[in-house]
C-alpha atoms as a PDB file:
ATOM      1  CA  MET A   1      43.075  86.930  83.803  1.00  0.00           C
ATOM      2  CA  ILE A   2      45.777  89.613  83.952  1.00  0.00           C
ATOM      3  CA  SER A   3      44.917  93.117  84.523  1.00  0.00           C
ATOM      4  CA  SER A   4      44.761  95.661  81.504  1.00  0.00           C
ATOM      5  CA  CYS A   5      47.711  97.436  82.821  1.00  0.00           C
ATOM      6  CA  SER A   6      49.995  94.270  83.121  1.00  0.00           C
ATOM      7  CA  ARG A   7      48.876  93.273  79.629  1.00  0.00           C
ATOM      8  CA  LEU A   8      49.937  96.723  78.131  1.00  0.00           C
ATOM      9  CA  ASN A   9      53.361  96.892  80.318  1.00  0.00           C
ATOM     10  CA  THR A  10      54.172  93.154  78.920  1.00  0.00           C
ATOM     11  CA  ILE A  11      53.191  94.339  75.365  1.00  0.00           C
ATOM     12  CA  GLU A  12      55.494  97.316  75.417  1.00  0.00           C
ATOM     13  CA  PHE A  13      58.346  95.132  77.147  1.00  0.00           C
ATOM     14  CA  LEU A  14      57.998  92.881  74.247  1.00  0.00           C
ATOM     15  CA  ILE A  15      58.254  95.790  71.481  1.00  0.00           C
ATOM     16  CA  LYS A  16      61.130  97.304  73.454  1.00  0.00           C
ATOM     17  CA  SER A  17      63.003  93.696  73.686  1.00  0.00           C
ATOM     18  CA  SER A  18      62.736  93.112  70.336  1.00  0.00           C
ATOM     19  CA  GLN A  19      64.331  96.540  69.375  1.00  0.00           C
ATOM     20  CA  HIS A  20      67.138  96.085  72.042  1.00  0.00           C
ATOM     21  CA  LEU A  21      67.652  92.314  70.633  1.00  0.00           C
ATOM     22  CA  GLN A  22      67.215  93.735  67.143  1.00  0.00           C
ATOM     23  CA  VAL A  23      65.404  90.969  65.684  1.00  0.00           C
ATOM     24  CA  SER A  24      63.691  90.801  62.369  1.00  0.00           C
ATOM     25  CA  PRO A  25      59.810  91.761  62.236  1.00  0.00           C
ATOM     26  CA  ILE A  26      58.884  87.932  61.490  1.00  0.00           C
ATOM     27  CA  VAL A  27      60.624  87.143  64.752  1.00  0.00           C
ATOM     28  CA  LYS A  28      58.897  90.043  66.631  1.00  0.00           C
ATOM     29  CA  TYR A  29      55.468  89.081  65.266  1.00  0.00           C
ATOM     30  CA  SER A  30      55.681  85.503  65.738  1.00  0.00           C
ATOM     31  CA  ALA A  31      56.600  86.227  69.528  1.00  0.00           C
ATOM     32  CA  PHE A  32      53.378  88.390  69.557  1.00  0.00           C
ATOM     33  CA  SER A  33      51.483  85.385  68.106  1.00  0.00           C
ATOM     34  CA  PHE A  34      52.907  82.884  71.105  1.00  0.00           C
ATOM     35  CA  PHE A  35      52.580  85.424  73.892  1.00  0.00           C
ATOM     36  CA  ALA A  36      49.428  87.254  73.240  1.00  0.00           C
ATOM     37  CA  ASP A  37      47.683  84.921  70.951  1.00  0.00           C
ATOM     38  CA  ARG A  38      48.300  81.783  72.839  1.00  0.00           C
ATOM     39  CA  PHE A  39      49.981  82.082  76.207  1.00  0.00           C
ATOM     40  CA  LEU A  40      47.934  84.797  77.652  1.00  0.00           C
ATOM     41  CA  PRO A  41      44.543  83.182  76.627  1.00  0.00           C
ATOM     42  CA  SER A  42      45.545  79.946  78.215  1.00  0.00           C
ATOM     43  CA  LEU A  43      46.773  81.313  81.608  1.00  0.00           C
ATOM     44  CA  PRO A  44      43.600  81.365  83.373  1.00  0.00           C
ATOM     45  CA  PRO A  45      42.950  77.488  83.259  1.00  0.00           C
ATOM     46  CA  PHE A  46      46.510  76.882  83.437  1.00  0.00           C
ATOM     47  CA  ILE A  47      46.799  79.150  86.742  1.00  0.00           C
ATOM     48  CA  LYS A  48      43.397  77.147  88.160  1.00  0.00           C
ATOM     49  CA  GLY A  49      45.186  73.702  87.635  1.00  0.00           C
ATOM     50  CA  ALA A  50      48.063  74.625  89.862  1.00  0.00           C
ATOM     51  CA  SER A  51      50.666  72.108  90.489  1.00  0.00           C
ATOM     52  CA  SER A  52      54.347  71.796  91.414  1.00  0.00           C
ATOM     53  CA  LEU A  53      54.744  71.444  87.425  1.00  0.00           C
ATOM     54  CA  ASN A  54      53.927  75.277  86.731  1.00  0.00           C
ATOM     55  CA  TRP A  55      55.736  76.756  89.864  1.00  0.00           C
ATOM     56  CA  LEU A  56      57.063  79.618  87.572  1.00  0.00           C
ATOM     57  CA  LEU A  57      53.307  80.871  87.471  1.00  0.00           C
ATOM     58  CA  GLN A  58      52.813  80.724  91.339  1.00  0.00           C
ATOM     59  CA  PRO A  59      52.006  83.691  91.686  1.00  0.00           C
ATOM     60  CA  VAL A  60      51.704  85.455  88.443  1.00  0.00           C
ATOM     61  CA  THR A  61      53.583  88.574  88.474  1.00  0.00           C
ATOM     62  CA  GLU A  62      54.647  91.080  85.922  1.00  0.00           C
ATOM     63  CA  SER A  63      58.321  89.740  86.206  1.00  0.00           C
ATOM     64  CA  THR A  64      56.983  85.981  85.371  1.00  0.00           C
ATOM     65  CA  LEU A  65      55.131  87.546  82.363  1.00  0.00           C
ATOM     66  CA  GLN A  66      58.237  89.119  81.150  1.00  0.00           C
ATOM     67  CA  LEU A  67      59.824  86.056  81.470  1.00  0.00           C
ATOM     68  CA  PHE A  68      57.405  84.555  78.817  1.00  0.00           C
ATOM     69  CA  VAL A  69      57.827  87.535  76.630  1.00  0.00           C
ATOM     70  CA  LEU A  70      61.365  86.766  76.468  1.00  0.00           C
ATOM     71  CA  ILE A  71      60.923  82.926  75.839  1.00  0.00           C
ATOM     72  CA  SER A  72      58.034  83.906  73.177  1.00  0.00           C
ATOM     73  CA  ILE A  73      61.275  85.789  71.456  1.00  0.00           C
ATOM     74  CA  TRP A  74      63.615  83.276  71.842  1.00  0.00           C
ATOM     75  CA  ILE A  75      61.391  80.325  70.336  1.00  0.00           C
ATOM     76  CA  SER A  76      60.574  82.711  67.405  1.00  0.00           C
ATOM     77  CA  SER A  77      64.171  83.335  66.660  1.00  0.00           C
ATOM     78  CA  LYS A  78      64.813  79.634  66.903  1.00  0.00           C
ATOM     79  CA  ILE A  79      61.977  79.100  64.053  1.00  0.00           C
ATOM     80  CA  HIS A  80      63.009  82.105  61.751  1.00  0.00           C
ATOM     81  CA  ASP A  81      66.785  82.704  62.284  1.00  0.00           C
ATOM     82  CA  SER A  82      69.679  80.750  60.807  1.00  0.00           C
ATOM     83  CA  LYS A  83      71.512  81.907  64.063  1.00  0.00           C
ATOM     84  CA  PRO A  84      69.057  81.969  66.595  1.00  0.00           C
ATOM     85  CA  LEU A  85      69.438  84.167  70.070  1.00  0.00           C
ATOM     86  CA  SER A  86      71.289  82.405  72.844  1.00  0.00           C
ATOM     87  CA  VAL A  87      69.879  81.946  76.036  1.00  0.00           C
ATOM     88  CA  ALA A  88      72.803  83.802  77.580  1.00  0.00           C
ATOM     89  CA  SER A  89      71.865  86.864  75.309  1.00  0.00           C
ATOM     90  CA  LEU A  90      68.141  86.683  76.728  1.00  0.00           C
ATOM     91  CA  LYS A  91      69.244  86.005  80.151  1.00  0.00           C
ATOM     92  CA  PHE A  92      71.578  89.072  80.379  1.00  0.00           C
ATOM     93  CA  LEU A  93      68.469  91.258  79.050  1.00  0.00           C
ATOM     94  CA  ALA A  94      66.150  89.784  81.707  1.00  0.00           C
ATOM     95  CA  ASP A  95      68.751  90.394  84.581  1.00  0.00           C
ATOM     96  CA  ASN A  96      69.340  94.191  83.275  1.00  0.00           C
ATOM     97  CA  SER A  97      65.421  94.647  82.525  1.00  0.00           C
ATOM     98  CA  ILE A  98      63.382  92.756  85.228  1.00  0.00           C
ATOM     99  CA  ASN A  99      64.334  94.165  88.402  1.00  0.00           C
ATOM    100  CA  GLU A 100      61.999  91.990  90.824  1.00  0.00           C
ATOM    101  CA  GLN A 101      63.610  88.679  90.234  1.00  0.00           C
ATOM    102  CA  HIS A 102      66.458  87.002  88.864  1.00  0.00           C
ATOM    103  CA  PHE A 103      66.186  84.028  86.221  1.00  0.00           C
ATOM    104  CA  THR A 104      68.417  81.234  85.776  1.00  0.00           C
ATOM    105  CA  ASN A 105      69.129  79.428  82.349  1.00  0.00           C
ATOM    106  CA  ARG A 106      66.809  76.523  83.983  1.00  0.00           C
ATOM    107  CA  ASN A 107      63.974  79.119  84.321  1.00  0.00           C
ATOM    108  CA  PHE A 108      63.928  79.801  80.585  1.00  0.00           C
ATOM    109  CA  LEU A 109      64.368  75.917  79.532  1.00  0.00           C
ATOM    110  CA  GLU A 110      61.373  75.176  81.968  1.00  0.00           C
ATOM    111  CA  ALA A 111      59.252  77.949  80.406  1.00  0.00           C
ATOM    112  CA  VAL A 112      59.603  76.769  76.779  1.00  0.00           C
ATOM    113  CA  LEU A 113      57.677  73.655  77.847  1.00  0.00           C
ATOM    114  CA  ASN A 114      54.387  75.967  78.037  1.00  0.00           C
ATOM    115  CA  PHE A 115      54.487  76.727  74.630  1.00  0.00           C
ATOM    116  CA  GLU A 116      52.611  75.295  71.206  1.00  0.00           C
ATOM    117  CA  ILE A 117      55.370  75.474  68.512  1.00  0.00           C
ATOM    118  CA  GLY A 118      54.220  76.838  65.103  1.00  0.00           C
ATOM    119  CA  THR A 119      53.620  80.184  63.315  1.00  0.00           C
ATOM    120  CA  ALA A 120      52.405  79.496  59.792  1.00  0.00           C
ATOM    121  CA  ASN A 121      49.093  81.361  60.390  1.00  0.00           C
ATOM    122  CA  ILE A 122      50.277  84.926  61.580  1.00  0.00           C
ATOM    123  CA  ALA A 123      48.773  88.307  60.104  1.00  0.00           C
ATOM    124  CA  PHE A 124      52.483  89.668  59.607  1.00  0.00           C
ATOM    125  CA  SER A 125      53.206  87.055  57.210  1.00  0.00           C
ATOM    126  CA  PHE A 126      50.102  87.774  54.960  1.00  0.00           C
ATOM    127  CA  LEU A 127      50.817  91.495  55.192  1.00  0.00           C
ATOM    128  CA  ASP A 128      54.390  91.254  54.121  1.00  0.00           C
ATOM    129  CA  GLU A 129      53.222  88.957  51.255  1.00  0.00           C
ATOM    130  CA  LEU A 130      50.243  91.283  50.180  1.00  0.00           C
ATOM    131  CA  TRP A 131      52.834  94.462  50.287  1.00  0.00           C
ATOM    132  CA  ILE A 132      55.367  92.673  48.020  1.00  0.00           C
ATOM    133  CA  GLN A 133      52.533  91.630  45.804  1.00  0.00           C
ATOM    134  CA  ILE A 134      51.036  95.163  45.552  1.00  0.00           C
ATOM    135  CA  LYS A 135      54.576  96.543  44.967  1.00  0.00           C
ATOM    136  CA  GLY A 136      55.044  94.367  41.634  1.00  0.00           C
ATOM    137  CA  VAL A 137      51.674  95.362  40.187  1.00  0.00           C
ATOM    138  CA  ALA A 138      51.205  99.079  41.285  1.00  0.00           C
ATOM    139  CA  LYS A 139      53.055 102.337  42.070  1.00  0.00           C
ATOM    140  CA  VAL A 140      50.919 102.860  45.203  1.00  0.00           C
ATOM    141  CA  GLY A 141      52.455  99.997  46.644  1.00  0.00           C
ATOM    142  CA  GLU A 142      55.920 101.898  46.688  1.00  0.00           C
ATOM    143  CA  LEU A 143      54.372 104.555  48.728  1.00  0.00           C
ATOM    144  CA  ILE A 144      53.354 102.238  51.702  1.00  0.00           C
ATOM    145  CA  ASN A 145      54.848 103.024  54.781  1.00  0.00           C
ATOM    146  CA  PHE A 146      55.424  99.407  55.953  1.00  0.00           C
ATOM    147  CA  GLU A 147      57.017 100.773  59.281  1.00  0.00           C
ATOM    148  CA  ALA A 148      53.569 102.345  59.826  1.00  0.00           C
ATOM    149  CA  CYS A 149      51.828  99.281  58.942  1.00  0.00           C
ATOM    150  CA  MET A 150      53.638  97.445  61.863  1.00  0.00           C
ATOM    151  CA  GLU A 151      53.163 100.227  64.355  1.00  0.00           C
ATOM    152  CA  ILE A 152      49.297  99.500  63.793  1.00  0.00           C
ATOM    153  CA  MET A 153      49.693  95.958  64.356  1.00  0.00           C
ATOM    154  CA  ASP A 154      51.947  96.897  67.704  1.00  0.00           C
ATOM    155  CA  LEU A 155      48.814  98.959  68.920  1.00  0.00           C
ATOM    156  CA  LEU A 156      46.289  96.601  68.172  1.00  0.00           C
ATOM    157  CA  TYR A 157      48.014  94.051  70.823  1.00  0.00           C
ATOM    158  CA  GLU A 158      47.673  96.811  73.499  1.00  0.00           C
ATOM    159  CA  LYS A 159      44.228  95.776  74.604  1.00  0.00           C
ATOM    160  CA  GLU A 160      42.219  92.592  74.662  1.00  0.00           C
ATOM    161  CA  GLU A 161      39.263  93.965  72.870  1.00  0.00           C
ATOM    162  CA  THR A 162      41.312  94.511  69.791  1.00  0.00           C
ATOM    163  CA  ALA A 163      43.687  91.598  69.848  1.00  0.00           C
ATOM    164  CA  PHE A 164      40.966  89.517  69.139  1.00  0.00           C
ATOM    165  CA  LEU A 165      41.290  90.846  65.477  1.00  0.00           C
ATOM    166  CA  TYR A 166      44.397  88.707  65.234  1.00  0.00           C
ATOM    167  CA  ARG A 167      41.981  85.621  64.949  1.00  0.00           C
ATOM    168  CA  SER A 168      41.228  86.488  61.311  1.00  0.00           C
ATOM    169  CA  PRO A 169      44.816  87.410  60.192  1.00  0.00           C
ATOM    170  CA  HIS A 170      44.122  87.570  56.366  1.00  0.00           C
ATOM    171  CA  SER A 171      41.281  90.101  56.999  1.00  0.00           C
ATOM    172  CA  LEU A 172      43.462  91.845  59.423  1.00  0.00           C
ATOM    173  CA  ALA A 173      46.557  92.075  56.998  1.00  0.00           C
ATOM    174  CA  ALA A 174      44.134  93.132  54.119  1.00  0.00           C
ATOM    175  CA  SER A 175      42.482  95.739  56.273  1.00  0.00           C
ATOM    176  CA  ILE A 176      45.797  97.244  57.250  1.00  0.00           C
ATOM    177  CA  LEU A 177      47.209  97.456  53.650  1.00  0.00           C
ATOM    178  CA  VAL A 178      44.097  99.044  52.484  1.00  0.00           C
ATOM    179  CA  ILE A 179      44.007 101.836  55.373  1.00  0.00           C
ATOM    180  CA  SER A 180      47.719 102.483  54.157  1.00  0.00           C
ATOM    181  CA  THR A 181      47.166 102.813  50.564  1.00  0.00           C
ATOM    182  CA  PHE A 182      44.328 105.485  50.479  1.00  0.00           C
ATOM    183  CA  HIS A 183      46.147 108.968  50.187  1.00  0.00           C
ATOM    184  CA  ILE A 184      42.926 110.693  51.023  1.00  0.00           C
ATOM    185  CA  ALA A 185      42.653 108.773  54.638  1.00  0.00           C
ATOM    186  CA  ILE A 186      45.819 110.667  55.529  1.00  0.00           C
ATOM    187  CA  SER A 187      44.086 114.231  55.757  1.00  0.00           C
ATOM    188  CA  MET A 188      40.751 112.798  56.601  1.00  0.00           C
ATOM    189  CA  LEU A 189      41.977 110.980  59.628  1.00  0.00           C
ATOM    190  CA  GLN A 190      43.143 114.418  60.814  1.00  0.00           C
ATOM    191  CA  ILE A 191      39.749 115.671  60.422  1.00  0.00           C
ATOM    192  CA  ILE A 192      38.111 112.545  62.179  1.00  0.00           C
ATOM    193  CA  LEU A 193      40.280 112.842  65.117  1.00  0.00           C
ATOM    194  CA  TYR A 194      39.464 116.561  65.406  1.00  0.00           C
ATOM    195  CA  LYS A 195      35.911 115.879  65.371  1.00  0.00           C
ATOM    196  CA  ILE A 196      36.080 112.987  67.670  1.00  0.00           C
ATOM    197  CA  LEU A 197      37.856 115.191  70.147  1.00  0.00           C
ATOM    198  CA  LEU A 198      35.208 117.703  70.249  1.00  0.00           C
ATOM    199  CA  LEU A 199      32.069 115.626  69.852  1.00  0.00           C
ATOM    200  CA  GLU A 200      33.105 112.566  71.360  1.00  0.00           C
ATOM    201  CA  SER A 201      31.466 110.670  68.812  1.00  0.00           C
ATOM    202  CA  CYS A 202      32.085 107.471  66.615  1.00  0.00           C
ATOM    203  CA  HIS A 203      29.528 108.363  64.207  1.00  0.00           C
ATOM    204  CA  ILE A 204      31.413 110.596  62.050  1.00  0.00           C
ATOM    205  CA  LEU A 205      33.937 108.260  62.041  1.00  0.00           C
ATOM    206  CA  LEU A 206      32.135 105.293  60.708  1.00  0.00           C
ATOM    207  CA  GLN A 207      30.469 107.532  57.958  1.00  0.00           C
ATOM    208  CA  VAL A 208      33.831 108.723  56.837  1.00  0.00           C
ATOM    209  CA  VAL A 209      35.609 105.554  56.931  1.00  0.00           C
ATOM    210  CA  SER A 210      32.755 103.898  55.013  1.00  0.00           C
ATOM    211  CA  TYR A 211      33.145 106.606  52.227  1.00  0.00           C
ATOM    212  CA  VAL A 212      36.891 106.449  52.314  1.00  0.00           C
ATOM    213  CA  MET A 213      36.704 102.548  51.568  1.00  0.00           C
ATOM    214  CA  THR A 214      33.702 102.631  49.067  1.00  0.00           C
ATOM    215  CA  VAL A 215      35.085 105.538  46.917  1.00  0.00           C
ATOM    216  CA  PRO A 216      34.603 105.074  43.375  1.00  0.00           C
ATOM    217  CA  LYS A 217      37.546 103.172  41.782  1.00  0.00           C
ATOM    218  CA  GLN A 218      37.984 105.602  38.915  1.00  0.00           C
ATOM    219  CA  LYS A 219      39.322 108.284  41.520  1.00  0.00           C
ATOM    220  CA  TRP A 220      42.356 106.072  42.217  1.00  0.00           C
ATOM    221  CA  GLU A 221      45.177 104.917  40.265  1.00  0.00           C
ATOM    222  CA  PHE A 222      44.771 101.712  41.139  1.00  0.00           C
ATOM    223  CA  PRO A 223      41.525  99.727  42.652  1.00  0.00           C
ATOM    224  CA  VAL A 224      43.319  98.692  45.844  1.00  0.00           C
ATOM    225  CA  LEU A 225      40.176  97.245  47.499  1.00  0.00           C
ATOM    226  CA  ALA A 226      39.265  95.126  44.550  1.00  0.00           C
ATOM    227  CA  TRP A 227      42.838  93.968  44.250  1.00  0.00           C
ATOM    228  CA  VAL A 228      43.055  93.197  48.170  1.00  0.00           C
ATOM    229  CA  ASN A 229      39.850  91.232  47.965  1.00  0.00           C
ATOM    230  CA  PHE A 230      40.926  88.967  45.433  1.00  0.00           C
ATOM    231  CA  ALA A 231      44.645  88.624  46.680  1.00  0.00           C
ATOM    232  CA  ALA A 232      43.698  88.153  50.164  1.00  0.00           C
ATOM    233  CA  SER A 233      40.487  86.029  49.299  1.00  0.00           C
ATOM    234  CA  CYS A 234      38.630  88.376  51.659  1.00  0.00           C
ATOM    235  CA  LYS A 235      35.197  90.033  51.387  1.00  0.00           C
ATOM    236  CA  GLU A 236      34.822  93.698  50.919  1.00  0.00           C
ATOM    237  CA  GLU A 237      32.501  94.041  53.909  1.00  0.00           C
ATOM    238  CA  ASP A 238      34.792  92.347  56.062  1.00  0.00           C
ATOM    239  CA  ILE A 239      37.913  94.483  55.327  1.00  0.00           C
ATOM    240  CA  ILE A 240      35.582  97.658  55.755  1.00  0.00           C
ATOM    241  CA  LYS A 241      34.419  96.604  59.102  1.00  0.00           C
ATOM    242  CA  MET A 242      37.700  95.597  60.476  1.00  0.00           C
ATOM    243  CA  ALA A 243      39.277  98.500  58.825  1.00  0.00           C
ATOM    244  CA  THR A 244      36.686 100.530  61.139  1.00  0.00           C
ATOM    245  CA  GLU A 245      37.397  98.841  64.269  1.00  0.00           C
ATOM    246  CA  ILE A 246      41.284  99.417  63.586  1.00  0.00           C
ATOM    247  CA  LEU A 247      40.825 103.141  62.844  1.00  0.00           C
ATOM    248  CA  LYS A 248      38.618 103.423  66.039  1.00  0.00           C
ATOM    249  CA  HIS A 249      41.437 101.969  68.074  1.00  0.00           C
ATOM    250  CA  VAL A 250      44.377 104.102  66.473  1.00  0.00           C
ATOM    251  CA  LEU A 251      42.356 107.398  66.844  1.00  0.00           C
ATOM    252  CA  GLU A 252      41.210 106.664  70.555  1.00  0.00           C
ATOM    253  CA  PRO A 253      42.086 109.720  72.589  1.00  0.00           C
ATOM    254  CA  CYS A 254      44.814 109.121  75.009  1.00  0.00           C
END
């Protein structure tokens, strides 16, 4: 198991590398799925069965984890891009951003063997689909800040205790969309954060989020929660519960 600090550093490295390589959001979040949802959880037993076949992980350092971050981006690009990233571009980035170690093209090719290919069930795809659908049926969809939605997704990967939310991609996508569409939540979140900082209590947060998520439909231009329940085939209580978990993490004092 890697430390929380190493996890945070590698997640930030993935985000910065995606920006540097100018990959599309689907490539970025597919890479997240490869690295954080599949590779990291499988790492402990993989290391325990150490052999000459997995020498890249002997020992596990932040540099080798960063290598696998770049491999995640590369595989994702090969799946989603008509002109995928080249090994040369990734090696150049590695040589300039991973200081402790110099990787060869062979290292990249060998690292690919440690991944299970396939990205059909990721939260970003469902969120993007819901966003497109709601823009087609309601004006509120045009007001959604999709960049903010993606920033929330990035934050949830920072800690292992919140990364588990990605195991329910439909509910996660629905919850993020619901959070982004409630106009009242914008002002309420400022109040919540202020009270949490003063009282150091999550009780107020739970009360306010419950109100925001269950506010009578006639007060809104569009019944967002009901629509999301239908479009994403998710239970209302599951969305409220997950939205609460998301907000607790996003509003957590630094």
